[in-house]
Amino acid sequence: MNNERNYITICHLEDHFGTGFLKVKDELILKKEKDNTYDDEAIAVYKDAVRCGYVANSVCSVARGTLSAGRVYDRFEEEASCLVRFIIEDRAIAEVFVRKA
């Protein structure tokens, strides 16, 4: 990724644990989920090795000013990390960092 800051929306938190377990500055892991039957560009979000949500990939779920999963998918190989910056109702906004190989 380039030097500018890139943000994503993390959604489907309510399907797992809600937002109560997340804190600002938590580091999360992003993993491509290539076998996802609903989304070819699915990126799962993990905290402490437990899947807790997904990177938003729909115009209905992507917060303004953040990138969709489709815009982030090709910017890393298998995994990347992100840092929670904001928690808003049922979503979180995180800054993405690509791990260098």
Protein backbone atom coordinates (compact mmCIF):
# COMPACT_ATOMS: atom_id res chain seq x y z
CA MET A 1 0.00 0.00 0.00
CA ASN A 2 1.14 3.55 -0.45
CA ASN A 3 2.15 6.05 2.25
CA GLU A 4 -1.33 7.51 2.68
CA ARG A 5 -3.49 6.15 5.46
CA ASN A 6 -6.01 3.55 4.37
CA TYR A 7 -9.08 2.82 6.47
CA ILE A 8 -11.61 0.00 6.34
CA THR A 9 -14.98 -0.64 7.92
CA ILE A 10 -15.26 -3.82 9.96
CA CYS A 11 -18.79 -5.18 9.94
CA HIS A 12 -20.72 -8.31 10.96
CA LEU A 13 -19.39 -7.86 14.48
CA GLU A 14 -22.89 -8.51 15.84
CA ASP A 15 -22.80 -11.96 14.21
CA HIS A 16 -19.85 -12.84 16.41
CA PHE A 17 -19.28 -10.85 19.62
CA GLY A 18 -20.66 -7.35 19.07
CA THR A 19 -18.38 -4.35 19.50
CA GLY A 20 -17.96 -4.69 23.28
CA PHE A 21 -14.84 -6.81 22.99
CA LEU A 22 -13.04 -4.29 20.76
CA LYS A 23 -11.04 -1.36 22.02
CA VAL A 24 -9.48 1.56 20.16
CA LYS A 25 -5.83 0.65 19.36
CA ASP A 26 -6.55 -3.11 19.22
CA GLU A 27 -4.45 -4.78 16.54
CA LEU A 28 -6.45 -7.16 14.36
CA ILE A 29 -5.42 -9.56 11.61
CA LEU A 30 -7.00 -9.54 8.15
CA LYS A 31 -7.07 -12.83 6.23
CA LYS A 32 -8.37 -13.45 2.75
CA GLU A 33 -11.18 -16.00 2.83
CA LYS A 34 -10.87 -17.48 -0.65
CA ASP A 35 -13.47 -20.21 -0.08
CA ASN A 36 -16.24 -17.78 0.97
CA THR A 37 -19.37 -18.67 -1.01
CA TYR A 38 -20.96 -15.22 -0.60
CA ASP A 39 -18.09 -12.91 -1.55
CA ASP A 40 -15.11 -13.62 -3.84
CA GLU A 41 -13.22 -10.77 -2.16
CA ALA A 42 -14.07 -11.66 1.44
CA ILE A 43 -11.56 -10.60 4.07
CA ALA A 44 -12.14 -12.02 7.54
CA VAL A 45 -11.05 -10.09 10.63
CA TYR A 46 -9.45 -11.88 13.59
CA LYS A 47 -8.71 -10.88 17.16
CA ASP A 48 -6.60 -13.27 19.21
CA ALA A 49 -6.91 -15.93 16.46
CA VAL A 50 -10.74 -15.84 16.60
CA ARG A 51 -12.77 -14.57 13.65
CA CYS A 52 -14.78 -11.58 14.82
CA GLY A 53 -16.06 -9.95 11.63
CA TYR A 54 -15.42 -9.04 8.01
CA VAL A 55 -14.15 -6.08 6.03
CA ALA A 56 -17.24 -4.39 4.59
CA ASN A 57 -17.70 -4.86 0.84
CA SER A 58 -21.11 -3.38 0.08
CA VAL A 59 -22.23 0.18 -0.55
CA CYS A 60 -24.67 -0.38 2.32
CA SER A 61 -21.97 -1.35 4.83
CA VAL A 62 -18.81 0.57 3.83
CA ALA A 63 -18.55 3.76 5.88
CA ARG A 64 -17.83 6.96 3.94
CA GLY A 65 -14.10 7.60 3.63
CA THR A 66 -13.12 3.94 4.03
CA LEU A 67 -12.11 1.33 1.46
CA SER A 68 -14.22 -1.71 0.62
CA ALA A 69 -12.79 -5.24 0.81
CA GLY A 70 -12.64 -5.20 -2.98
CA ARG A 71 -10.38 -2.13 -2.94
CA VAL A 72 -8.06 -3.68 -0.32
CA TYR A 73 -8.08 -7.33 -1.49
CA ASP A 74 -5.25 -7.05 -4.05
CA ARG A 75 -3.01 -4.92 -1.84
CA PHE A 76 -1.70 -7.82 0.24
CA GLU A 77 -0.91 -11.51 -0.24
CA GLU A 78 -2.68 -13.58 2.42
CA GLU A 79 -2.60 -11.52 5.62
CA ALA A 80 -2.36 -7.93 6.76
CA SER A 81 -2.92 -6.19 10.06
CA CYS A 82 -5.05 -3.26 11.08
CA LEU A 83 -5.43 -1.02 14.09
CA VAL A 84 -8.86 -0.09 15.42
CA ARG A 85 -9.21 3.70 15.32
CA PHE A 86 -12.97 4.21 15.97
CA ILE A 87 -15.90 2.14 17.17
CA ILE A 88 -19.29 3.31 15.93
CA GLU A 89 -22.48 1.46 16.91
CA ASP A 90 -22.20 -1.95 15.23
CA ARG A 91 -19.05 -1.24 13.17
CA ALA A 92 -15.41 -0.39 13.68
CA ILE A 93 -13.09 1.72 11.56
CA ALA A 94 -9.51 0.50 11.34
CA GLU A 95 -6.30 1.63 9.68
CA VAL A 96 -4.76 -1.05 7.43
CA PHE A 97 -1.07 -2.01 7.50
CA VAL A 98 0.42 -4.45 5.00
CA ARG A 99 3.08 -6.77 6.32
CA LYS A 100 6.21 -6.73 4.24
CA ALA A 101 7.39 -10.15 3.06
